[in-house]
Amino acid sequence: MVTEEDVKRVVRGPSDLEERIEQLMKQKEILKSACRKAGHRIEELERDNLTLAKEIDRLNEYVQIMELEKR
């Protein structure tokens, strides 16, 4: 005969270690994915930043040339 105590042991709750490990593994995968996406976005923004810095340098040179020609 199965007692109520036996049922409580068999039914897994949030404190069950295997279930908790599974939850943490899923969370780890989600975080890894989010970190990869963030890393790609950071690389993209760094490339954009470099492109804009070069454009600013080019425009500054252009302004200097225009000022020299104006004199």
C-alpha atoms as a PDB file:
ATOM      1  CA  MET A   1       0.000   0.000   0.000  1.00  0.00           C
ATOM      2  CA  VAL A   2       1.256   3.474  -0.930  1.00  0.00           C
ATOM      3  CA  THR A   3       1.203   5.934   1.917  1.00  0.00           C
ATOM      4  CA  GLU A   4       0.854   9.690   1.729  1.00  0.00           C
ATOM      5  CA  GLU A   5       4.474   9.973   2.785  1.00  0.00           C
ATOM      6  CA  ASP A   6       5.522   7.812  -0.196  1.00  0.00           C
ATOM      7  CA  VAL A   7       3.593  10.074  -2.559  1.00  0.00           C
ATOM      8  CA  LYS A   8       5.278  13.176  -1.108  1.00  0.00           C
ATOM      9  CA  ARG A   9       8.688  11.610  -1.730  1.00  0.00           C
ATOM     10  CA  VAL A  10       7.856  10.715  -5.345  1.00  0.00           C
ATOM     11  CA  VAL A  11       6.228  14.017  -6.347  1.00  0.00           C
ATOM     12  CA  ARG A  12       8.899  16.473  -7.338  1.00  0.00           C
ATOM     13  CA  GLY A  13       8.577  20.036  -6.208  1.00  0.00           C
ATOM     14  CA  PRO A  14      10.663  23.129  -6.810  1.00  0.00           C
ATOM     15  CA  SER A  15      13.076  22.041  -4.100  1.00  0.00           C
ATOM     16  CA  ASP A  16      13.891  18.795  -5.937  1.00  0.00           C
ATOM     17  CA  LEU A  17      17.587  18.944  -6.872  1.00  0.00           C
ATOM     18  CA  GLU A  18      17.213  17.355 -10.307  1.00  0.00           C
ATOM     19  CA  GLU A  19      14.480  19.804 -11.241  1.00  0.00           C
ATOM     20  CA  ARG A  20      16.525  22.711  -9.907  1.00  0.00           C
ATOM     21  CA  ILE A  21      19.577  21.586 -11.875  1.00  0.00           C
ATOM     22  CA  GLU A  22      17.447  21.368 -15.023  1.00  0.00           C
ATOM     23  CA  GLN A  23      16.080  24.884 -14.422  1.00  0.00           C
ATOM     24  CA  LEU A  24      19.581  26.244 -13.915  1.00  0.00           C
ATOM     25  CA  MET A  25      20.860  24.537 -17.074  1.00  0.00           C
ATOM     26  CA  LYS A  26      18.036  26.112 -19.095  1.00  0.00           C
ATOM     27  CA  GLN A  27      18.758  29.480 -17.526  1.00  0.00           C
ATOM     28  CA  LYS A  28      22.452  29.071 -18.375  1.00  0.00           C
ATOM     29  CA  GLU A  29      21.615  28.419 -22.044  1.00  0.00           C
ATOM     30  CA  ILE A  30      19.337  31.468 -22.164  1.00  0.00           C
ATOM     31  CA  LEU A  31      22.063  33.640 -20.622  1.00  0.00           C
ATOM     32  CA  LYS A  32      24.703  32.280 -23.016  1.00  0.00           C
ATOM     33  CA  SER A  33      22.476  33.153 -25.951  1.00  0.00           C
ATOM     34  CA  ALA A  34      21.844  36.651 -24.602  1.00  0.00           C
ATOM     35  CA  CYS A  35      25.585  37.165 -24.051  1.00  0.00           C
ATOM     36  CA  ARG A  36      26.352  36.062 -27.619  1.00  0.00           C
ATOM     37  CA  LYS A  37      23.773  38.505 -28.982  1.00  0.00           C
ATOM     38  CA  ALA A  38      25.158  41.295 -26.819  1.00  0.00           C
ATOM     39  CA  GLY A  39      28.704  40.481 -27.957  1.00  0.00           C
ATOM     40  CA  HIS A  40      27.683  40.678 -31.618  1.00  0.00           C
ATOM     41  CA  ARG A  41      25.914  43.971 -30.993  1.00  0.00           C
ATOM     42  CA  ILE A  42      28.984  45.392 -29.211  1.00  0.00           C
ATOM     43  CA  GLU A  43      31.183  44.419 -32.168  1.00  0.00           C
ATOM     44  CA  GLU A  44      28.715  46.062 -34.546  1.00  0.00           C
ATOM     45  CA  LEU A  45      28.669  49.266 -32.496  1.00  0.00           C
ATOM     46  CA  GLU A  46      32.481  49.321 -32.294  1.00  0.00           C
ATOM     47  CA  ARG A  47      32.649  49.072 -36.116  1.00  0.00           C
ATOM     48  CA  ASP A  48      30.104  51.878 -36.427  1.00  0.00           C
ATOM     49  CA  ASN A  49      32.085  53.980 -33.952  1.00  0.00           C
ATOM     50  CA  LEU A  50      35.286  53.499 -35.940  1.00  0.00           C
ATOM     51  CA  THR A  51      33.524  54.388 -39.196  1.00  0.00           C
ATOM     52  CA  LEU A  52      32.081  57.547 -37.654  1.00  0.00           C
ATOM     53  CA  ALA A  53      35.447  58.552 -36.165  1.00  0.00           C
ATOM     54  CA  LYS A  54      37.033  58.250 -39.625  1.00  0.00           C
ATOM     55  CA  GLU A  55      34.227  60.329 -41.130  1.00  0.00           C
ATOM     56  CA  ILE A  56      34.728  63.027 -38.472  1.00  0.00           C
ATOM     57  CA  ASP A  57      38.471  63.110 -39.244  1.00  0.00           C
ATOM     58  CA  ARG A  58      37.722  63.430 -42.963  1.00  0.00           C
ATOM     59  CA  LEU A  59      35.280  66.284 -42.353  1.00  0.00           C
ATOM     60  CA  ASN A  60      37.732  68.067 -40.049  1.00  0.00           C
ATOM     61  CA  GLU A  61      40.394  67.909 -42.762  1.00  0.00           C
ATOM     62  CA  TYR A  62      37.876  69.249 -45.268  1.00  0.00           C
ATOM     63  CA  VAL A  63      37.032  72.177 -42.976  1.00  0.00           C
ATOM     64  CA  GLN A  64      40.726  72.960 -42.511  1.00  0.00           C
ATOM     65  CA  ILE A  65      41.259  72.967 -46.281  1.00  0.00           C
ATOM     66  CA  MET A  66      38.247  75.222 -46.778  1.00  0.00           C
ATOM     67  CA  GLU A  67      39.539  77.651 -44.139  1.00  0.00           C
ATOM     68  CA  LEU A  68      42.955  77.764 -45.819  1.00  0.00           C
ATOM     69  CA  GLU A  69      41.382  78.442 -49.218  1.00  0.00           C
ATOM     70  CA  LYS A  70      39.240  81.209 -47.729  1.00  0.00           C
ATOM     71  CA  ARG A  71      42.319  83.149 -46.615  1.00  0.00           C
END
